[in-house]
């Protein structure tokens, strides 16, 4: 995931090409729910290890990650590699908004954002696992209505 981008990055690029495109725009590379063993990340563990030096931010709390060990692994990885930590609700329903977030100082621009994020406090809680049924139902309903 790229932050602070000016232009859309086309889909279908390799990991290396995507990172290069993000960095070329002065953007930040952020990896959402990196080690989720139930909802697979777009990047496998070995790839995340290979690109560790190019990652600016890693999500260490995603409220939809059902196993606490997966979030713990993300925190350990971020600490080991000196990567800024973030959080996200990954909300698919209104009731999930704000389940995970970072309380951080105000910022102005990319570099200031990273500094503020590093000073931030990860907050939130896990979403009830049954919410995944609501997401599945919504996907099925949309496919059926097409």
C-alpha atoms as a PDB file:
ATOM      1  CA  UNK A   1       0.000   0.000   0.000  1.00  0.00           C
ATOM      2  CA  UNK A   2       1.388   3.404  -0.931  1.00  0.00           C
ATOM      3  CA  UNK A   3       0.845   6.602   1.050  1.00  0.00           C
ATOM      4  CA  UNK A   4       1.432  10.210  -0.058  1.00  0.00           C
ATOM      5  CA  UNK A   5       1.065   9.374  -3.748  1.00  0.00           C
ATOM      6  CA  UNK A   6       0.282  11.828  -6.511  1.00  0.00           C
ATOM      7  CA  UNK A   7      -0.595   9.281  -9.204  1.00  0.00           C
ATOM      8  CA  UNK A   8      -2.340   5.930  -9.246  1.00  0.00           C
ATOM      9  CA  UNK A   9      -0.046   2.946  -9.441  1.00  0.00           C
ATOM     10  CA  UNK A  10      -1.278   0.405 -11.984  1.00  0.00           C
ATOM     11  CA  UNK A  11      -2.330  -3.015 -10.762  1.00  0.00           C
ATOM     12  CA  UNK A  12      -0.557  -6.121 -11.932  1.00  0.00           C
ATOM     13  CA  UNK A  13       2.971  -4.903 -11.205  1.00  0.00           C
ATOM     14  CA  UNK A  14       5.510  -7.075  -9.424  1.00  0.00           C
ATOM     15  CA  UNK A  15       6.317  -6.312  -5.788  1.00  0.00           C
ATOM     16  CA  UNK A  16       9.611  -4.701  -6.830  1.00  0.00           C
ATOM     17  CA  UNK A  17       7.920  -2.577  -9.508  1.00  0.00           C
ATOM     18  CA  UNK A  18       5.196  -1.484  -7.090  1.00  0.00           C
ATOM     19  CA  UNK A  19       7.704  -0.445  -4.429  1.00  0.00           C
ATOM     20  CA  UNK A  20       9.783   1.352  -7.050  1.00  0.00           C
ATOM     21  CA  UNK A  21       6.693   3.225  -8.294  1.00  0.00           C
ATOM     22  CA  UNK A  22       5.743   4.253  -4.741  1.00  0.00           C
ATOM     23  CA  UNK A  23       9.275   5.402  -3.919  1.00  0.00           C
ATOM     24  CA  UNK A  24       9.603   7.265  -7.255  1.00  0.00           C
ATOM     25  CA  UNK A  25       6.703   9.475  -6.140  1.00  0.00           C
ATOM     26  CA  UNK A  26       8.268  10.045  -2.734  1.00  0.00           C
ATOM     27  CA  UNK A  27       5.585   7.839  -1.205  1.00  0.00           C
ATOM     28  CA  UNK A  28       5.684   5.554   1.787  1.00  0.00           C
ATOM     29  CA  UNK A  29       5.396   1.771   1.561  1.00  0.00           C
ATOM     30  CA  UNK A  30       2.955   0.325   4.110  1.00  0.00           C
ATOM     31  CA  UNK A  31       2.177  -3.363   4.560  1.00  0.00           C
ATOM     32  CA  UNK A  32      -1.362  -4.039   5.872  1.00  0.00           C
ATOM     33  CA  UNK A  33      -2.124  -7.175   7.963  1.00  0.00           C
ATOM     34  CA  UNK A  34       1.220  -8.715   6.991  1.00  0.00           C
ATOM     35  CA  UNK A  35       1.203 -12.040   8.850  1.00  0.00           C
ATOM     36  CA  UNK A  36      -2.508 -12.832   8.969  1.00  0.00           C
ATOM     37  CA  UNK A  37      -2.691 -16.611   8.613  1.00  0.00           C
ATOM     38  CA  UNK A  38      -6.463 -16.674   8.108  1.00  0.00           C
ATOM     39  CA  UNK A  39      -6.986 -13.766   5.679  1.00  0.00           C
ATOM     40  CA  UNK A  40      -3.843 -14.086   3.612  1.00  0.00           C
ATOM     41  CA  UNK A  41      -1.792 -10.981   2.957  1.00  0.00           C
ATOM     42  CA  UNK A  42      -0.989 -10.213  -0.650  1.00  0.00           C
ATOM     43  CA  UNK A  43       2.640 -10.750   0.352  1.00  0.00           C
ATOM     44  CA  UNK A  44       3.937 -14.009   1.763  1.00  0.00           C
ATOM     45  CA  UNK A  45       6.279 -13.990   4.765  1.00  0.00           C
ATOM     46  CA  UNK A  46       9.430 -14.689   2.747  1.00  0.00           C
ATOM     47  CA  UNK A  47       8.694 -11.725   0.460  1.00  0.00           C
ATOM     48  CA  UNK A  48       8.093  -9.421   3.432  1.00  0.00           C
ATOM     49  CA  UNK A  49      11.453 -10.557   4.836  1.00  0.00           C
ATOM     50  CA  UNK A  50      13.146  -9.852   1.487  1.00  0.00           C
ATOM     51  CA  UNK A  51      11.757  -6.297   1.224  1.00  0.00           C
ATOM     52  CA  UNK A  52      12.083  -5.376   4.917  1.00  0.00           C
ATOM     53  CA  UNK A  53      14.591  -2.599   4.188  1.00  0.00           C
ATOM     54  CA  UNK A  54      12.119  -0.960   1.778  1.00  0.00           C
ATOM     55  CA  UNK A  55       9.096  -0.978   4.109  1.00  0.00           C
ATOM     56  CA  UNK A  56       8.343   2.338   5.812  1.00  0.00           C
ATOM     57  CA  UNK A  57       5.278   1.291   7.839  1.00  0.00           C
ATOM     58  CA  UNK A  58       3.822  -2.020   8.934  1.00  0.00           C
ATOM     59  CA  UNK A  59       0.365  -2.578  10.355  1.00  0.00           C
ATOM     60  CA  UNK A  60       0.807  -4.150  13.783  1.00  0.00           C
ATOM     61  CA  UNK A  61      -2.852  -4.017  14.779  1.00  0.00           C
ATOM     62  CA  UNK A  62      -5.611  -4.783  12.329  1.00  0.00           C
ATOM     63  CA  UNK A  63      -8.929  -5.254  14.091  1.00  0.00           C
ATOM     64  CA  UNK A  64      -9.970  -7.999  11.647  1.00  0.00           C
ATOM     65  CA  UNK A  65      -6.912 -10.181  12.323  1.00  0.00           C
ATOM     66  CA  UNK A  66      -8.423 -12.950  14.432  1.00  0.00           C
ATOM     67  CA  UNK A  67      -5.299 -14.495  15.971  1.00  0.00           C
ATOM     68  CA  UNK A  68      -3.322 -12.319  18.415  1.00  0.00           C
ATOM     69  CA  UNK A  69      -0.114 -14.194  17.524  1.00  0.00           C
ATOM     70  CA  UNK A  70      -0.283 -12.708  14.011  1.00  0.00           C
ATOM     71  CA  UNK A  71      -0.327  -9.137  15.362  1.00  0.00           C
ATOM     72  CA  UNK A  72       2.480 -10.038  17.794  1.00  0.00           C
ATOM     73  CA  UNK A  73       4.570 -11.292  14.871  1.00  0.00           C
ATOM     74  CA  UNK A  74       4.001  -8.006  13.019  1.00  0.00           C
ATOM     75  CA  UNK A  75       5.059  -6.002  16.108  1.00  0.00           C
ATOM     76  CA  UNK A  76       8.201  -8.109  16.534  1.00  0.00           C
ATOM     77  CA  UNK A  77       9.054  -7.750  12.844  1.00  0.00           C
ATOM     78  CA  UNK A  78       8.595  -3.962  12.941  1.00  0.00           C
ATOM     79  CA  UNK A  79      10.743  -3.633  16.045  1.00  0.00           C
ATOM     80  CA  UNK A  80      13.468  -5.924  14.667  1.00  0.00           C
ATOM     81  CA  UNK A  81      13.686  -3.932  11.411  1.00  0.00           C
ATOM     82  CA  UNK A  82      13.098  -0.434  12.836  1.00  0.00           C
ATOM     83  CA  UNK A  83       9.865   0.030  10.882  1.00  0.00           C
ATOM     84  CA  UNK A  84       7.138   2.450  11.982  1.00  0.00           C
ATOM     85  CA  UNK A  85       4.023   0.731  13.379  1.00  0.00           C
ATOM     86  CA  UNK A  86       0.434   1.478  12.372  1.00  0.00           C
ATOM     87  CA  UNK A  87      -3.083   0.209  13.010  1.00  0.00           C
ATOM     88  CA  UNK A  88      -6.292  -0.048  11.042  1.00  0.00           C
ATOM     89  CA  UNK A  89      -9.877  -1.110  11.458  1.00  0.00           C
ATOM     90  CA  UNK A  90     -10.068  -2.610   7.963  1.00  0.00           C
ATOM     91  CA  UNK A  91     -13.759  -1.795   8.374  1.00  0.00           C
ATOM     92  CA  UNK A  92     -16.207  -3.487   6.059  1.00  0.00           C
ATOM     93  CA  UNK A  93     -19.220  -2.329   8.071  1.00  0.00           C
ATOM     94  CA  UNK A  94     -20.091   0.922   9.859  1.00  0.00           C
ATOM     95  CA  UNK A  95     -19.878  -0.773  13.258  1.00  0.00           C
ATOM     96  CA  UNK A  96     -16.216  -1.606  12.675  1.00  0.00           C
ATOM     97  CA  UNK A  97     -15.059   1.977  12.087  1.00  0.00           C
ATOM     98  CA  UNK A  98     -12.560   3.013  14.731  1.00  0.00           C
ATOM     99  CA  UNK A  99     -11.885  -0.472  16.083  1.00  0.00           C
ATOM    100  CA  UNK A 100      -8.145   0.086  15.567  1.00  0.00           C
ATOM    101  CA  UNK A 101      -6.280   3.357  15.127  1.00  0.00           C
ATOM    102  CA  UNK A 102      -3.190   5.360  16.068  1.00  0.00           C
ATOM    103  CA  UNK A 103      -3.348   8.341  18.398  1.00  0.00           C
ATOM    104  CA  UNK A 104      -0.582  10.589  17.127  1.00  0.00           C
ATOM    105  CA  UNK A 105       0.441  14.240  17.032  1.00  0.00           C
ATOM    106  CA  UNK A 106      -0.687  16.414  14.159  1.00  0.00           C
ATOM    107  CA  UNK A 107       1.599  16.328  11.147  1.00  0.00           C
ATOM    108  CA  UNK A 108       2.292  18.230   7.973  1.00  0.00           C
ATOM    109  CA  UNK A 109       3.536  16.134   5.075  1.00  0.00           C
ATOM    110  CA  UNK A 110       5.261  12.827   4.540  1.00  0.00           C
ATOM    111  CA  UNK A 111       8.319  13.087   6.776  1.00  0.00           C
ATOM    112  CA  UNK A 112       6.385  14.750   9.565  1.00  0.00           C
ATOM    113  CA  UNK A 113       3.791  11.959   9.276  1.00  0.00           C
ATOM    114  CA  UNK A 114       6.441   9.287   9.850  1.00  0.00           C
ATOM    115  CA  UNK A 115       7.807  11.136  12.889  1.00  0.00           C
ATOM    116  CA  UNK A 116       4.315  11.591  14.317  1.00  0.00           C
ATOM    117  CA  UNK A 117       3.494   7.936  13.672  1.00  0.00           C
ATOM    118  CA  UNK A 118       6.599   6.832  15.564  1.00  0.00           C
ATOM    119  CA  UNK A 119       5.436   8.933  18.536  1.00  0.00           C
ATOM    120  CA  UNK A 120       1.926   7.540  18.220  1.00  0.00           C
ATOM    121  CA  UNK A 121       0.063   5.113  20.429  1.00  0.00           C
ATOM    122  CA  UNK A 122      -1.605   2.057  18.866  1.00  0.00           C
ATOM    123  CA  UNK A 123      -5.179   1.752  20.161  1.00  0.00           C
ATOM    124  CA  UNK A 124      -8.143  -0.471  19.570  1.00  0.00           C
ATOM    125  CA  UNK A 125      -9.566  -3.929  19.898  1.00  0.00           C
ATOM    126  CA  UNK A 126     -10.327  -6.953  17.809  1.00  0.00           C
ATOM    127  CA  UNK A 127     -13.540  -7.090  15.829  1.00  0.00           C
ATOM    128  CA  UNK A 128     -15.952  -9.855  16.757  1.00  0.00           C
ATOM    129  CA  UNK A 129     -15.020 -12.760  14.433  1.00  0.00           C
ATOM    130  CA  UNK A 130     -18.672 -13.200  13.438  1.00  0.00           C
ATOM    131  CA  UNK A 131     -18.422  -9.943  11.472  1.00  0.00           C
ATOM    132  CA  UNK A 132     -16.659 -11.932   8.749  1.00  0.00           C
ATOM    133  CA  UNK A 133     -19.979 -13.603   8.003  1.00  0.00           C
ATOM    134  CA  UNK A 134     -21.467 -10.167   7.263  1.00  0.00           C
ATOM    135  CA  UNK A 135     -18.631  -9.485   4.823  1.00  0.00           C
ATOM    136  CA  UNK A 136     -19.082 -12.845   3.115  1.00  0.00           C
ATOM    137  CA  UNK A 137     -22.825 -12.261   2.843  1.00  0.00           C
ATOM    138  CA  UNK A 138     -22.266  -8.820   1.286  1.00  0.00           C
ATOM    139  CA  UNK A 139     -19.840 -10.249  -1.292  1.00  0.00           C
ATOM    140  CA  UNK A 140     -22.218 -13.061  -2.180  1.00  0.00           C
ATOM    141  CA  UNK A 141     -25.167 -10.688  -2.416  1.00  0.00           C
ATOM    142  CA  UNK A 142     -23.257  -8.349  -4.764  1.00  0.00           C
ATOM    143  CA  UNK A 143     -22.217 -11.269  -6.994  1.00  0.00           C
ATOM    144  CA  UNK A 144     -25.757 -12.593  -7.070  1.00  0.00           C
ATOM    145  CA  UNK A 145     -27.248  -9.184  -7.942  1.00  0.00           C
ATOM    146  CA  UNK A 146     -24.911  -8.718 -10.900  1.00  0.00           C
END
